[in-house]
PDB file of N, CA and C in Angstrom:
ATOM      1  N   MET A   1     128.148 166.267 172.390  1.00  0.00           N
ATOM      2  CA  MET A   1     127.203 166.337 171.304  1.00  0.00           C
ATOM      3  C   MET A   1     126.051 165.386 171.620  1.00  0.00           C
ATOM      4  N   SER A   2     124.841 165.887 171.549  1.00  0.00           N
ATOM      5  CA  SER A   2     123.686 165.038 171.819  1.00  0.00           C
ATOM      6  C   SER A   2     123.061 164.586 170.507  1.00  0.00           C
ATOM      7  N   THR A   3     122.493 163.402 170.564  1.00  0.00           N
ATOM      8  CA  THR A   3     121.826 162.887 169.372  1.00  0.00           C
ATOM      9  C   THR A   3     120.320 162.897 169.622  1.00  0.00           C
ATOM     10  N   ALA A   4     119.592 163.368 168.649  1.00  0.00           N
ATOM     11  CA  ALA A   4     118.138 163.399 168.770  1.00  0.00           C
ATOM     12  C   ALA A   4     117.586 162.018 168.452  1.00  0.00           C
ATOM     13  N   THR A   5     116.702 161.551 169.301  1.00  0.00           N
ATOM     14  CA  THR A   5     116.066 160.266 169.036  1.00  0.00           C
ATOM     15  C   THR A   5     114.654 160.528 168.547  1.00  0.00           C
ATOM     16  N   GLU A   6     114.253 159.728 167.611  1.00  0.00           N
ATOM     17  CA  GLU A   6     112.930 159.877 167.028  1.00  0.00           C
ATOM     18  C   GLU A   6     111.928 159.090 167.857  1.00  0.00           C
ATOM     19  N   ALA A   7     110.814 159.729 168.190  1.00  0.00           N
ATOM     20  CA  ALA A   7     109.774 159.064 168.962  1.00  0.00           C
ATOM     21  C   ALA A   7     109.099 158.001 168.108  1.00  0.00           C
ATOM     22  N   PRO A   8     108.707 156.891 168.722  1.00  0.00           N
ATOM     23  CA  PRO A   8     107.996 155.866 167.940  1.00  0.00           C
ATOM     24  C   PRO A   8     106.665 156.421 167.458  1.00  0.00           C
ATOM     25  N   PRO A   9     106.179 155.930 166.319  1.00  0.00           N
ATOM     26  CA  PRO A   9     104.906 156.444 165.813  1.00  0.00           C
ATOM     27  C   PRO A   9     103.760 156.105 166.761  1.00  0.00           C
ATOM     28  N   SER A  10     102.807 157.003 166.811  1.00  0.00           N
ATOM     29  CA  SER A  10     101.634 156.760 167.651  1.00  0.00           C
ATOM     30  C   SER A  10     100.774 155.676 167.023  1.00  0.00           C
ATOM     31  N   PRO A  11      99.949 155.018 167.819  1.00  0.00           N
ATOM     32  CA  PRO A  11      99.072 153.989 167.239  1.00  0.00           C
ATOM     33  C   PRO A  11      98.074 154.650 166.289  1.00  0.00           C
ATOM     34  N   PRO A  12      97.566 153.894 165.336  1.00  0.00           N
ATOM     35  CA  PRO A  12      96.607 154.473 164.396  1.00  0.00           C
ATOM     36  C   PRO A  12      95.300 154.852 165.083  1.00  0.00           C
ATOM     37  N   THR A  13      94.678 155.867 164.540  1.00  0.00           N
ATOM     38  CA  THR A  13      93.382 156.296 165.059  1.00  0.00           C
ATOM     39  C   THR A  13      92.302 155.317 164.607  1.00  0.00           C
ATOM     40  N   ALA A  14      91.134 155.423 165.192  1.00  0.00           N
ATOM     41  CA  ALA A  14      90.014 154.558 164.796  1.00  0.00           C
ATOM     42  C   ALA A  14      89.682 154.776 163.319  1.00  0.00           C
ATOM     43  N   ARG A  15      89.738 156.009 162.857  1.00  0.00           N
ATOM     44  CA  ARG A  15      89.443 156.311 161.456  1.00  0.00           C
ATOM     45  C   ARG A  15      90.494 155.696 160.540  1.00  0.00           C
ATOM     46  N   GLN A  16      91.759 155.756 160.928  1.00  0.00           N
ATOM     47  CA  GLN A  16      92.826 155.151 160.126  1.00  0.00           C
ATOM     48  C   GLN A  16      92.658 153.639 160.050  1.00  0.00           C
ATOM     49  N   LEU A  17      92.271 153.016 161.144  1.00  0.00           N
ATOM     50  CA  LEU A  17      92.022 151.573 161.129  1.00  0.00           C
ATOM     51  C   LEU A  17      90.820 151.235 160.253  1.00  0.00           C
ATOM     52  N   GLU A  18      89.823 152.131 160.236  1.00  0.00           N
ATOM     53  CA  GLU A  18      88.661 151.939 159.375  1.00  0.00           C
ATOM     54  C   GLU A  18      89.079 151.989 157.894  1.00  0.00           C
ATOM     55  N   ILE A  19      89.952 152.923 157.563  1.00  0.00           N
ATOM     56  CA  ILE A  19      90.449 153.037 156.187  1.00  0.00           C
ATOM     57  C   ILE A  19      91.266 151.804 155.822  1.00  0.00           C
ATOM     58  N   LEU A  20      92.116 151.360 156.723  1.00  0.00           N
ATOM     59  CA  LEU A  20      92.930 150.172 156.473  1.00  0.00           C
ATOM     60  C   LEU A  20      92.045 148.944 156.264  1.00  0.00           C
ATOM     61  N   ALA A  21      91.017 148.798 157.081  1.00  0.00           N
ATOM     62  CA  ALA A  21      90.097 147.665 156.935  1.00  0.00           C
ATOM     63  C   ALA A  21      89.366 147.737 155.596  1.00  0.00           C
ATOM     64  N   PHE A  22      88.993 148.953 155.169  1.00  0.00           N
ATOM     65  CA  PHE A  22      88.334 149.107 153.875  1.00  0.00           C
ATOM     66  C   PHE A  22      89.270 148.705 152.742  1.00  0.00           C
ATOM     67  N   LEU A  23      90.538 149.108 152.822  1.00  0.00           N
ATOM     68  CA  LEU A  23      91.508 148.745 151.784  1.00  0.00           C
ATOM     69  C   LEU A  23      91.607 147.228 151.636  1.00  0.00           C
ATOM     70  N   VAL A  24      91.717 146.534 152.744  1.00  0.00           N
ATOM     71  CA  VAL A  24      91.859 145.078 152.719  1.00  0.00           C
ATOM     72  C   VAL A  24      90.582 144.421 152.195  1.00  0.00           C
ATOM     73  N   ALA A  25      89.418 144.866 152.670  1.00  0.00           N
ATOM     74  CA  ALA A  25      88.150 144.285 152.227  1.00  0.00           C
ATOM     75  C   ALA A  25      87.924 144.532 150.733  1.00  0.00           C
ATOM     76  N   TYR A  26      88.243 145.730 150.262  1.00  0.00           N
ATOM     77  CA  TYR A  26      88.068 146.058 148.852  1.00  0.00           C
ATOM     78  C   TYR A  26      88.993 145.202 147.992  1.00  0.00           C
ATOM     79  N   ARG A  27      90.239 145.068 148.434  1.00  0.00           N
ATOM     80  CA  ARG A  27      91.204 144.247 147.689  1.00  0.00           C
ATOM     81  C   ARG A  27      90.751 142.792 147.630  1.00  0.00           C
ATOM     82  N   ASP A  28      90.266 142.274 148.751  1.00  0.00           N
ATOM     83  CA  ASP A  28      89.816 140.884 148.781  1.00  0.00           C
ATOM     84  C   ASP A  28      88.601 140.662 147.880  1.00  0.00           C
ATOM     85  N   ALA A  29      87.719 141.661 147.799  1.00  0.00           N
ATOM     86  CA  ALA A  29      86.506 141.524 147.002  1.00  0.00           C
ATOM     87  C   ALA A  29      86.739 141.776 145.511  1.00  0.00           C
ATOM     88  N   ASN A  30      87.692 142.668 145.173  1.00  0.00           N
ATOM     89  CA  ASN A  30      87.847 143.104 143.788  1.00  0.00           C
ATOM     90  C   ASN A  30      89.174 142.710 143.135  1.00  0.00           C
ATOM     91  N   GLY A  31      90.113 142.235 143.917  1.00  0.00           N
ATOM     92  CA  GLY A  31      91.399 141.840 143.362  1.00  0.00           C
ATOM     93  C   GLY A  31      92.370 142.977 143.138  1.00  0.00           C
ATOM     94  N   VAL A  32      91.931 144.212 143.343  1.00  0.00           N
ATOM     95  CA  VAL A  32      92.792 145.392 143.248  1.00  0.00           C
ATOM     96  C   VAL A  32      92.467 146.304 144.425  1.00  0.00           C
ATOM     97  N   LEU A  33      93.352 147.232 144.700  1.00  0.00           N
ATOM     98  CA  LEU A  33      93.099 148.198 145.761  1.00  0.00           C
ATOM     99  C   LEU A  33      92.246 149.341 145.219  1.00  0.00           C
ATOM    100  N   PRO A  34      91.508 150.031 146.080  1.00  0.00           N
ATOM    101  CA  PRO A  34      90.676 151.137 145.622  1.00  0.00           C
ATOM    102  C   PRO A  34      91.513 152.369 145.292  1.00  0.00           C
ATOM    103  N   THR A  35      90.944 153.245 144.463  1.00  0.00           N
ATOM    104  CA  THR A  35      91.587 154.527 144.188  1.00  0.00           C
ATOM    105  C   THR A  35      91.336 155.454 145.371  1.00  0.00           C
ATOM    106  N   VAL A  36      92.052 156.553 145.415  1.00  0.00           N
ATOM    107  CA  VAL A  36      91.846 157.551 146.466  1.00  0.00           C
ATOM    108  C   VAL A  36      90.396 158.039 146.431  1.00  0.00           C
ATOM    109  N   ARG A  37      89.883 158.270 145.246  1.00  0.00           N
ATOM    110  CA  ARG A  37      88.503 158.745 145.107  1.00  0.00           C
ATOM    111  C   ARG A  37      87.509 157.701 145.635  1.00  0.00           C
ATOM    112  N   GLU A  38      87.739 156.426 145.335  1.00  0.00           N
ATOM    113  CA  GLU A  38      86.853 155.369 145.821  1.00  0.00           C
ATOM    114  C   GLU A  38      86.887 155.260 147.344  1.00  0.00           C
ATOM    115  N   ILE A  39      88.061 155.445 147.933  1.00  0.00           N
ATOM    116  CA  ILE A  39      88.175 155.427 149.393  1.00  0.00           C
ATOM    117  C   ILE A  39      87.347 156.563 149.977  1.00  0.00           C
ATOM    118  N   GLY A  40      87.503 157.749 149.405  1.00  0.00           N
ATOM    119  CA  GLY A  40      86.759 158.913 149.883  1.00  0.00           C
ATOM    120  C   GLY A  40      85.259 158.723 149.785  1.00  0.00           C
ATOM    121  N   GLU A  41      84.794 158.206 148.654  1.00  0.00           N
ATOM    122  CA  GLU A  41      83.354 157.989 148.467  1.00  0.00           C
ATOM    123  C   GLU A  41      82.812 156.964 149.449  1.00  0.00           C
ATOM    124  N   ALA A  42      83.538 155.882 149.656  1.00  0.00           N
ATOM    125  CA  ALA A  42      83.068 154.814 150.540  1.00  0.00           C
ATOM    126  C   ALA A  42      83.039 155.239 152.002  1.00  0.00           C
ATOM    127  N   LEU A  43      83.967 156.098 152.395  1.00  0.00           N
ATOM    128  CA  LEU A  43      84.090 156.459 153.804  1.00  0.00           C
ATOM    129  C   LEU A  43      83.695 157.900 154.099  1.00  0.00           C
ATOM    130  N   ALA A  44      82.995 158.530 153.146  1.00  0.00           N
ATOM    131  CA  ALA A  44      82.480 159.892 153.313  1.00  0.00           C
ATOM    132  C   ALA A  44      83.576 160.904 153.666  1.00  0.00           C
ATOM    133  N   ILE A  45      84.692 160.801 152.962  1.00  0.00           N
ATOM    134  CA  ILE A  45      85.765 161.792 153.084  1.00  0.00           C
ATOM    135  C   ILE A  45      85.673 162.640 151.819  1.00  0.00           C
ATOM    136  N   LYS A  46      85.309 163.900 151.966  1.00  0.00           N
ATOM    137  CA  LYS A  46      84.980 164.735 150.817  1.00  0.00           C
ATOM    138  C   LYS A  46      86.188 165.089 149.953  1.00  0.00           C
ATOM    139  N   SER A  47      87.326 165.271 150.551  1.00  0.00           N
ATOM    140  CA  SER A  47      88.490 165.735 149.811  1.00  0.00           C
ATOM    141  C   SER A  47      89.480 164.599 149.551  1.00  0.00           C
ATOM    142  N   PRO A  48      89.951 164.455 148.305  1.00  0.00           N
ATOM    143  CA  PRO A  48      91.010 163.475 148.047  1.00  0.00           C
ATOM    144  C   PRO A  48      92.251 163.755 148.890  1.00  0.00           C
ATOM    145  N   ASN A  49      92.491 165.019 149.185  1.00  0.00           N
ATOM    146  CA  ASN A  49      93.630 165.368 150.035  1.00  0.00           C
ATOM    147  C   ASN A  49      93.439 164.815 151.446  1.00  0.00           C
ATOM    148  N   GLY A  50      92.199 164.791 151.933  1.00  0.00           N
ATOM    149  CA  GLY A  50      91.921 164.199 153.247  1.00  0.00           C
ATOM    150  C   GLY A  50      92.243 162.717 153.267  1.00  0.00           C
ATOM    151  N   VAL A  51      91.892 162.027 152.181  1.00  0.00           N
ATOM    152  CA  VAL A  51      92.219 160.600 152.067  1.00  0.00           C
ATOM    153  C   VAL A  51      93.737 160.430 152.065  1.00  0.00           C
ATOM    154  N   MET A  52      94.431 161.257 151.266  1.00  0.00           N
ATOM    155  CA  MET A  52      95.887 161.152 151.172  1.00  0.00           C
ATOM    156  C   MET A  52      96.555 161.385 152.529  1.00  0.00           C
ATOM    157  N   CYS A  53      96.025 162.312 153.311  1.00  0.00           N
ATOM    158  CA  CYS A  53      96.598 162.561 154.643  1.00  0.00           C
ATOM    159  C   CYS A  53      96.502 161.313 155.517  1.00  0.00           C
ATOM    160  N   HIS A  54      95.362 160.621 155.452  1.00  0.00           N
ATOM    161  CA  HIS A  54      95.203 159.381 156.215  1.00  0.00           C
ATOM    162  C   HIS A  54      96.156 158.303 155.693  1.00  0.00           C
ATOM    163  N   LEU A  55      96.269 158.170 154.378  1.00  0.00           N
ATOM    164  CA  LEU A  55      97.149 157.152 153.798  1.00  0.00           C
ATOM    165  C   LEU A  55      98.605 157.415 154.165  1.00  0.00           C
ATOM    166  N   LYS A  56      99.020 158.666 154.101  1.00  0.00           N
ATOM    167  CA  LYS A  56     100.401 159.012 154.460  1.00  0.00           C
ATOM    168  C   LYS A  56     100.662 158.761 155.938  1.00  0.00           C
ATOM    169  N   ALA A  57      99.661 159.035 156.788  1.00  0.00           N
ATOM    170  CA  ALA A  57      99.819 158.764 158.224  1.00  0.00           C
ATOM    171  C   ALA A  57      99.960 157.272 158.476  1.00  0.00           C
ATOM    172  N   LEU A  58      99.162 156.461 157.770  1.00  0.00           N
ATOM    173  CA  LEU A  58      99.268 155.006 157.910  1.00  0.00           C
ATOM    174  C   LEU A  58     100.623 154.509 157.426  1.00  0.00           C
ATOM    175  N   ALA A  59     101.137 155.115 156.358  1.00  0.00           N
ATOM    176  CA  ALA A  59     102.468 154.731 155.860  1.00  0.00           C
ATOM    177  C   ALA A  59     103.541 155.112 156.875  1.00  0.00           C
ATOM    178  N   LYS A  60     103.417 156.273 157.465  1.00  0.00           N
ATOM    179  CA  LYS A  60     104.391 156.720 158.465  1.00  0.00           C
ATOM    180  C   LYS A  60     104.385 155.803 159.690  1.00  0.00           C
ATOM    181  N   LYS A  61     103.222 155.247 159.988  1.00  0.00           N
ATOM    182  CA  LYS A  61     103.089 154.340 161.132  1.00  0.00           C
ATOM    183  C   LYS A  61     103.455 152.902 160.776  1.00  0.00           C
ATOM    184  N   GLY A  62     103.835 152.676 159.510  1.00  0.00           N
ATOM    185  CA  GLY A  62     104.289 151.359 159.091  1.00  0.00           C
ATOM    186  C   GLY A  62     103.189 150.390 158.719  1.00  0.00           C
ATOM    187  N   LEU A  63     101.965 150.882 158.526  1.00  0.00           N
ATOM    188  CA  LEU A  63     100.849 149.997 158.216  1.00  0.00           C
ATOM    189  C   LEU A  63     100.537 149.926 156.726  1.00  0.00           C
ATOM    190  N   LEU A  64     101.100 150.834 155.945  1.00  0.00           N
ATOM    191  CA  LEU A  64     100.950 150.826 154.492  1.00  0.00           C
ATOM    192  C   LEU A  64     102.306 151.071 153.863  1.00  0.00           C
ATOM    193  N   LYS A  65     102.481 150.533 152.681  1.00  0.00           N
ATOM    194  CA  LYS A  65     103.678 150.815 151.889  1.00  0.00           C
ATOM    195  C   LYS A  65     103.212 151.232 150.507  1.00  0.00           C
ATOM    196  N   ARG A  66     103.992 152.068 149.860  1.00  0.00           N
ATOM    197  CA  ARG A  66     103.670 152.490 148.502  1.00  0.00           C
ATOM    198  C   ARG A  66     104.925 152.390 147.655  1.00  0.00           C
ATOM    199  N   PRO A  67     104.834 151.651 146.549  1.00  0.00           N
ATOM    200  CA  PRO A  67     105.992 151.576 145.652  1.00  0.00           C
ATOM    201  C   PRO A  67     106.377 152.965 145.154  1.00  0.00           C
ATOM    202  N   ARG A  68     107.636 153.136 144.853  1.00  0.00           N
ATOM    203  CA  ARG A  68     108.138 154.442 144.434  1.00  0.00           C
ATOM    204  C   ARG A  68     107.640 154.901 143.075  1.00  0.00           C
ATOM    205  N   ASP A  69     107.047 154.004 142.285  1.00  0.00           N
ATOM    206  CA  ASP A  69     106.621 154.408 140.948  1.00  0.00           C
ATOM    207  C   ASP A  69     105.392 155.312 140.959  1.00  0.00           C
ATOM    208  N   GLY A  70     104.687 155.429 142.093  1.00  0.00           N
ATOM    209  CA  GLY A  70     103.590 156.367 142.231  1.00  0.00           C
ATOM    210  C   GLY A  70     102.328 156.024 141.460  1.00  0.00           C
ATOM    211  N   ARG A  71     102.168 154.770 141.064  1.00  0.00           N
ATOM    212  CA  ARG A  71     100.958 154.375 140.345  1.00  0.00           C
ATOM    213  C   ARG A  71      99.732 154.514 141.228  1.00  0.00           C
ATOM    214  N   SER A  72      98.571 154.686 140.587  1.00  0.00           N
ATOM    215  CA  SER A  72      97.334 154.673 141.362  1.00  0.00           C
ATOM    216  C   SER A  72      97.100 153.242 141.843  1.00  0.00           C
ATOM    217  N   ARG A  73      96.333 153.109 142.879  1.00  0.00           N
ATOM    218  CA  ARG A  73      96.021 151.807 143.485  1.00  0.00           C
ATOM    219  C   ARG A  73      97.275 151.070 143.959  1.00  0.00           C
ATOM    220  N   SER A  74      98.283 151.813 144.367  1.00  0.00           N
ATOM    221  CA  SER A  74      99.545 151.149 144.690  1.00  0.00           C
ATOM    222  C   SER A  74      99.846 151.092 146.183  1.00  0.00           C
ATOM    223  N   TRP A  75      98.946 151.568 147.036  1.00  0.00           N
ATOM    224  CA  TRP A  75      99.169 151.437 148.478  1.00  0.00           C
ATOM    225  C   TRP A  75      99.002 149.973 148.859  1.00  0.00           C
ATOM    226  N   VAL A  76      99.954 149.430 149.589  1.00  0.00           N
ATOM    227  CA  VAL A  76      99.920 148.015 149.949  1.00  0.00           C
ATOM    228  C   VAL A  76      99.843 147.895 151.468  1.00  0.00           C
ATOM    229  N   PRO A  77      98.761 147.290 151.996  1.00  0.00           N
ATOM    230  CA  PRO A  77      98.682 147.091 153.445  1.00  0.00           C
ATOM    231  C   PRO A  77      99.750 146.115 153.924  1.00  0.00           C
ATOM    232  N   VAL A  78     100.349 146.432 155.058  1.00  0.00           N
ATOM    233  CA  VAL A  78     101.330 145.557 155.684  1.00  0.00           C
ATOM    234  C   VAL A  78     100.555 144.478 156.425  1.00  0.00           C
ATOM    235  N   THR A  79     101.050 143.258 156.417  1.00  0.00           N
ATOM    236  CA  THR A  79     100.375 142.150 157.098  1.00  0.00           C
ATOM    237  C   THR A  79     100.215 142.468 158.577  1.00  0.00           C
ATOM    238  N   ILE A  80      99.002 142.293 159.041  1.00  0.00           N
ATOM    239  CA  ILE A  80      98.702 142.546 160.449  1.00  0.00           C
ATOM    240  C   ILE A  80      98.516 141.200 161.141  1.00  0.00           C
ATOM    241  N   CYS A  81      99.103 141.081 162.304  1.00  0.00           N
ATOM    242  CA  CYS A  81      99.010 139.858 163.087  1.00  0.00           C
ATOM    243  C   CYS A  81      97.568 139.609 163.510  1.00  0.00           C
ATOM    244  N   ARG A  82      97.143 138.377 163.514  1.00  0.00           N
ATOM    245  CA  ARG A  82      95.781 138.020 163.897  1.00  0.00           C
ATOM    246  C   ARG A  82      95.717 137.375 165.280  1.00  0.00           C
ATOM    247  N   GLU A  83      96.803 137.407 166.021  1.00  0.00           N
ATOM    248  CA  GLU A  83      96.808 136.781 167.338  1.00  0.00           C
ATOM    249  C   GLU A  83      95.977 137.600 168.324  1.00  0.00           C
ATOM    250  N   VAL A  84      95.361 136.927 169.271  1.00  0.00           N
ATOM    251  CA  VAL A  84      94.532 137.594 170.270  1.00  0.00           C
ATOM    252  C   VAL A  84      95.393 138.551 171.084  1.00  0.00           C
ATOM    253  N   GLY A  85      94.918 139.782 171.228  1.00  0.00           N
ATOM    254  CA  GLY A  85      95.616 140.773 172.034  1.00  0.00           C
ATOM    255  C   GLY A  85      96.806 141.402 171.360  1.00  0.00           C
ATOM    256  N   CYS A  86      97.034 141.068 170.079  1.00  0.00           N
ATOM    257  CA  CYS A  86      98.191 141.646 169.394  1.00  0.00           C
ATOM    258  C   CYS A  86      97.760 142.835 168.552  1.00  0.00           C
ATOM    259  N   CYS A  87      98.118 142.821 167.330  1.00  0.00           N
ATOM    260  CA  CYS A  87      98.007 143.976 166.457  1.00  0.00           C
ATOM    261  C   CYS A  87      96.624 144.590 166.280  1.00  0.00           C
ATOM    262  N   PRO A  88      95.524 143.838 166.249  1.00  0.00           N
ATOM    263  CA  PRO A  88      94.240 144.507 166.099  1.00  0.00           C
ATOM    264  C   PRO A  88      93.952 145.526 167.202  1.00  0.00           C
ATOM    265  N   THR A  89      94.537 145.330 168.378  1.00  0.00           N
ATOM    266  CA  THR A  89      94.301 146.293 169.444  1.00  0.00           C
ATOM    267  C   THR A  89      95.354 147.385 169.489  1.00  0.00           C
ATOM    268  N   CYS A  90      96.601 147.045 169.183  1.00  0.00           N
ATOM    269  CA  CYS A  90      97.654 148.063 169.253  1.00  0.00           C
ATOM    270  C   CYS A  90      97.943 148.680 167.900  1.00  0.00           C
ATOM    271  N   GLY A  91      97.572 147.995 166.815  1.00  0.00           N
ATOM    272  CA  GLY A  91      97.756 148.540 165.486  1.00  0.00           C
ATOM    273  C   GLY A  91      99.142 148.405 164.913  1.00  0.00           C
ATOM    274  N   ARG A  92     100.030 147.710 165.601  1.00  0.00           N
ATOM    275  CA  ARG A  92     101.392 147.564 165.088  1.00  0.00           C
ATOM    276  C   ARG A  92     101.488 146.435 164.082  1.00  0.00           C
ATOM    277  N   PRO A  93     102.310 146.609 163.030  1.00  0.00           N
ATOM    278  CA  PRO A  93     102.480 145.514 162.071  1.00  0.00           C
ATOM    279  C   PRO A  93     103.228 144.362 162.715  1.00  0.00           C
ATOM    280  N   ARG A  94     102.933 143.173 162.247  1.00  0.00           N
ATOM    281  CA  ARG A  94     103.596 141.985 162.778  1.00  0.00           C
ATOM    282  C   ARG A  94     105.040 141.966 162.319  1.00  0.00           C
ATOM    283  N   GLU A  95     105.910 141.602 163.225  1.00  0.00           N
ATOM    284  CA  GLU A  95     107.309 141.407 162.877  1.00  0.00           C
ATOM    285  C   GLU A  95     107.391 140.089 162.139  1.00  0.00           C
ATOM    286  N   THR A  96     107.837 140.108 160.908  1.00  0.00           N
ATOM    287  CA  THR A  96     107.898 138.878 160.144  1.00  0.00           C
ATOM    288  C   THR A  96     109.207 138.175 160.457  1.00  0.00           C
ATOM    289  N   GLU A  97     109.109 136.898 160.722  1.00  0.00           N
ATOM    290  CA  GLU A  97     110.286 136.092 161.017  1.00  0.00           C
ATOM    291  C   GLU A  97     110.448 135.071 159.910  1.00  0.00           C
ATOM    292  N   THR A  98     111.663 134.882 159.484  1.00  0.00           N
ATOM    293  CA  THR A  98     111.951 133.894 158.468  1.00  0.00           C
ATOM    294  C   THR A  98     112.257 132.574 159.152  1.00  0.00           C
ATOM    295  N   ALA A  99     111.476 131.566 158.828  1.00  0.00           N
ATOM    296  CA  ALA A  99     111.706 130.249 159.418  1.00  0.00           C
ATOM    297  C   ALA A  99     112.863 129.573 158.707  1.00  0.00           C
ATOM    298  N   VAL A 100     113.735 129.007 159.482  1.00  0.00           N
ATOM    299  CA  VAL A 100     114.867 128.274 158.924  1.00  0.00           C
ATOM    300  C   VAL A 100     114.489 126.791 158.897  1.00  0.00           C
ATOM    301  N   THR A 101     114.517 126.215 157.713  1.00  0.00           N
ATOM    302  CA  THR A 101     114.187 124.795 157.594  1.00  0.00           C
ATOM    303  C   THR A 101     115.459 124.025 157.295  1.00  0.00           C
ATOM    304  N   GLU A 102     115.539 122.868 157.888  1.00  0.00           N
ATOM    305  CA  GLU A 102     116.733 122.040 157.664  1.00  0.00           C
ATOM    306  C   GLU A 102     116.363 120.770 156.968  1.00  0.00           C
TER     307      GLU A 102
END
């Protein structure tokens, strides 16, 4: 019996990274995340469904999370590493490590 292995997610596209950067900048400036419609207007995406496709792709790649309650403005960006040569170029979320203090 063979087991199927799932391929790792592909890195985000330039457009997906642009959307992610907009989400973070909007949240930092306004204290809340933008609505799907606001994302579309800011980034010239005509269809709300087009925005949702990008958001779902980012979630599948581990760069966004959405609480199960389905509220608007509920997409949460995953912390991205700021180290040189790390996540900004590859797009992978940082592995969070819990520091043990004694």
